[in-house]
Amino acid sequence: MTLSKRATVYFAPEIHRALRLKAAATDRPISEIVNDAVRCSLAEDADDLAAFEERAGEPSLDFEAVVKDLRKSGKL
């Protein structure tokens, strides 16, 4: 049995309507849909953080220099 925590979340009316419609169409509660969306977003954040850590040792590039190089090579 998973314990749930209660939170008050305010949605824009059109988002709330879309959630209600999706909940009805999928026979799932809004809280389950929102939990799944938040879980997915947090997983993406964890993937991004892992990628940053993986690339931490790479040298940084100057944006202006990259753009100049792209222009010089005819790619921009």
Protein backbone atom coordinates (compact mmCIF):
# COMPACT_ATOMS: atom_id res chain seq x y z
CA MET A 1 0.00 0.00 0.00
CA THR A 2 1.45 3.37 -1.04
CA LEU A 3 0.84 6.36 1.16
CA SER A 4 -0.21 9.46 -0.73
CA LYS A 5 0.32 13.08 0.25
CA ARG A 6 -2.26 15.69 -0.47
CA ALA A 7 -1.40 18.96 -2.22
CA THR A 8 -3.46 21.79 -3.60
CA VAL A 9 -2.58 22.56 -7.20
CA TYR A 10 -4.17 25.32 -9.26
CA PHE A 11 -4.60 24.75 -12.99
CA ALA A 12 -5.59 27.16 -15.71
CA PRO A 13 -9.24 26.44 -16.57
CA GLU A 14 -8.39 25.02 -20.01
CA ILE A 15 -5.76 22.68 -18.52
CA HIS A 16 -8.19 21.50 -15.85
CA ARG A 17 -10.84 20.85 -18.49
CA ALA A 18 -8.36 18.85 -20.58
CA LEU A 19 -7.36 16.84 -17.51
CA ARG A 20 -11.00 16.09 -16.67
CA LEU A 21 -11.66 14.98 -20.25
CA LYS A 22 -8.53 12.80 -20.33
CA ALA A 23 -9.44 11.28 -16.97
CA ALA A 24 -12.91 10.42 -18.22
CA ALA A 25 -11.61 9.05 -21.53
CA THR A 26 -8.96 6.87 -19.88
CA ASP A 27 -10.97 5.94 -16.78
CA ARG A 28 -8.15 7.21 -14.57
CA PRO A 29 -8.24 9.80 -11.79
CA ILE A 30 -6.75 13.23 -12.45
CA SER A 31 -4.27 12.68 -9.61
CA GLU A 32 -2.89 9.59 -11.37
CA ILE A 33 -2.47 11.49 -14.64
CA VAL A 34 -0.74 14.39 -12.87
CA ASN A 35 1.48 12.01 -10.86
CA ASP A 36 2.56 10.26 -14.08
CA ALA A 37 3.32 13.59 -15.77
CA VAL A 38 5.36 14.86 -12.82
CA ARG A 39 7.20 11.54 -12.55
CA CYS A 40 8.07 11.75 -16.27
CA SER A 41 9.27 15.34 -15.91
CA LEU A 42 11.46 14.44 -12.92
CA ALA A 43 12.92 11.47 -14.81
CA GLU A 44 13.82 13.80 -17.70
CA ASP A 45 15.51 16.14 -15.22
CA ALA A 46 17.49 13.21 -13.78
CA ASP A 47 18.57 12.20 -17.30
CA ASP A 48 19.65 15.79 -18.02
CA LEU A 49 21.66 15.96 -14.79
CA ALA A 50 23.35 12.65 -15.60
CA ALA A 51 24.26 13.94 -19.07
CA PHE A 52 25.71 17.14 -17.56
CA GLU A 53 27.82 15.09 -15.15
CA GLU A 54 28.96 12.82 -17.97
CA ARG A 55 30.10 15.79 -20.06
CA ALA A 56 31.54 17.84 -17.20
CA GLY A 57 35.12 17.21 -18.32
CA GLU A 58 34.58 18.44 -21.88
CA PRO A 59 36.05 21.81 -22.80
CA SER A 60 33.57 24.65 -23.13
CA LEU A 61 33.15 26.40 -26.46
CA ASP A 62 32.69 30.10 -27.07
CA PHE A 63 29.29 30.59 -28.73
CA GLU A 64 30.43 33.49 -30.91
CA ALA A 65 33.41 31.47 -32.13
CA VAL A 66 31.17 28.55 -33.08
CA VAL A 67 28.80 30.85 -35.00
CA LYS A 68 31.72 32.51 -36.80
CA ASP A 69 33.10 29.10 -37.73
CA LEU A 70 29.70 27.98 -39.06
CA ARG A 71 29.45 31.16 -41.16
CA LYS A 72 33.01 30.76 -42.42
CA SER A 73 32.32 27.17 -43.49
CA GLY A 74 29.07 28.21 -45.22
CA LYS A 75 26.81 26.24 -42.90
CA LEU A 76 24.96 29.40 -41.79
